[in-house]
Structures are given as structure tokens and as C-alpha cells.
Protein backbone atom coordinates (compact mmCIF):
# COMPACT_ATOMS: atom_id res chain seq x y z
CA UNK A 1 134.82 114.92 102.02
CA UNK A 2 133.42 115.26 105.42
CA UNK A 3 132.90 118.51 107.23
CA UNK A 4 131.90 118.04 111.28
CA UNK A 5 129.18 120.71 112.27
CA UNK A 6 128.96 122.49 115.81
CA UNK A 7 126.10 120.11 116.85
CA UNK A 8 127.07 116.81 118.14
CA UNK A 9 126.96 114.10 115.82
CA UNK A 10 126.08 116.81 112.66
CA UNK A 11 128.03 115.65 109.57
CA UNK A 12 128.15 117.48 106.06
CA UNK A 13 129.04 115.24 103.00
CA UNK A 14 130.68 117.22 100.47
CA UNK A 15 130.79 115.40 96.86
CA UNK A 16 133.10 117.12 94.33
CA UNK A 17 133.58 114.30 92.01
CA UNK A 18 131.23 115.29 89.17
CA UNK A 19 130.12 119.10 89.11
CA UNK A 20 127.90 118.03 85.61
CA UNK A 21 126.03 115.45 87.66
CA UNK A 22 122.44 115.67 87.47
CA UNK A 23 121.91 113.68 90.72
CA UNK A 24 124.07 112.58 93.57
CA UNK A 25 123.12 110.98 96.85
CA UNK A 26 124.90 109.98 100.02
CA UNK A 27 124.31 106.24 100.85
CA UNK A 28 125.57 103.94 103.97
CA UNK A 29 125.32 102.08 106.94
CA UNK A 30 123.08 105.23 108.63
CA UNK A 31 120.45 104.73 105.49
CA UNK A 32 120.68 100.94 104.61
CA UNK A 33 122.51 102.14 101.44
CA UNK A 34 119.21 103.24 99.79
CA UNK A 35 120.15 105.81 96.88
CA UNK A 36 116.59 107.73 97.53
CA UNK A 37 116.85 108.17 101.56
CA UNK A 38 119.45 111.21 101.18
CA UNK A 39 119.79 113.05 98.04
CA UNK A 40 122.24 116.26 97.78
CA UNK A 41 121.80 119.47 96.84
CA UNK A 42 123.82 121.13 94.38
CA UNK A 43 126.18 124.21 95.70
CA UNK A 44 126.68 127.27 93.65
CA UNK A 45 130.31 126.16 93.60
CA UNK A 46 129.21 122.78 91.70
CA UNK A 47 129.62 120.75 94.64
CA UNK A 48 126.84 118.64 96.00
CA UNK A 49 126.00 118.53 99.74
CA UNK A 50 123.99 116.77 102.33
CA UNK A 51 124.11 117.37 106.27
CA UNK A 52 122.73 114.80 108.78
CA UNK A 53 122.84 113.93 112.45
CA UNK A 54 124.34 110.69 112.81
CA UNK A 55 125.18 108.55 116.22
CA UNK A 56 128.48 107.94 117.56
CA UNK A 57 130.64 105.46 115.83
CA UNK A 58 132.20 104.48 112.36
CA UNK A 59 129.61 104.71 109.46
CA UNK A 60 130.67 103.69 106.37
CA UNK A 61 129.26 105.33 103.16
CA UNK A 62 129.55 106.00 99.43
CA UNK A 63 128.26 108.70 96.66
CA UNK A 64 125.85 107.85 93.90
CA UNK A 65 126.65 110.09 91.30
CA UNK A 66 124.00 109.69 88.64
CA UNK A 67 123.63 105.78 89.21
CA UNK A 68 127.61 105.22 89.81
CA UNK A 69 128.40 104.26 93.31
CA UNK A 70 131.81 105.93 94.00
CA UNK A 71 133.90 106.17 97.53
CA UNK A 72 135.01 109.46 98.78
CA UNK A 73 138.37 110.24 97.52
CA UNK A 74 138.78 112.79 100.24
CA UNK A 75 138.61 110.73 103.20
CA UNK A 76 141.50 109.00 104.80
CA UNK A 77 139.41 105.68 105.92
CA UNK A 78 138.24 102.95 103.65
CA UNK A 79 137.43 99.50 104.19
CA UNK A 80 136.96 96.54 101.75
CA UNK A 81 132.96 95.72 101.19
CA UNK A 82 131.48 92.54 99.65
CA UNK A 83 131.71 94.10 96.40
CA UNK A 84 135.32 94.00 95.73
CA UNK A 85 135.28 97.80 96.14
CA UNK A 86 135.89 99.93 99.03
CA UNK A 87 133.66 102.11 101.16
CA UNK A 88 134.68 105.31 102.77
CA UNK A 89 134.17 105.55 106.75
CA UNK A 90 133.31 108.72 108.65
CA UNK A 91 133.53 108.40 112.65
CA UNK A 92 131.31 110.52 114.70
CA UNK A 93 132.41 110.82 118.47
């Protein structure tokens, strides 16, 4: 799930896929798909969150949950990738 902030380009990524997960990261075109670049913080409700400021445009992303790469089921935009799976897309205006 994506929450757009009040600041221009601010995006909060929310991952509710596995509340029992120990380590969750958001990876994408904005951080060279590096699972160590942006770890998410666990909220009291069990979801994981990460906020970042992204430049305008489309940005592909995935969640890495305890080493498993997953697309965001709550997004309405996905595109195929070279690995035969889908990447989620967030559009920043």
C-alpha cells in the first residue's frame, strides 16, 4: 500500500503481507533494487512502513520479506519484469 504525504514527492510504503516477518525492505528503481538500502520499521499494528521522498515519475518496487521478493497486492499498477514476475508501480507527480 502507498500513502502519499503532504510534502512533494513524499511516499510511505506500507507492507501488511506477513506481520510475523522479522526483516522487511522496500526495493525498487529508486534504490537499485538493494534489499539493504531501505529497511522498513514495524508498526504497533504489525505492518511495516518506510517513508522516502522520490522524484516525479513512475517507480517500480517490490517488498523483500525475510528474503522473499513480493509485489504489493494493494497497488493497482503492476508491470512485468525480466524474471517472469510483476513489479508494483508508484507514480509520483
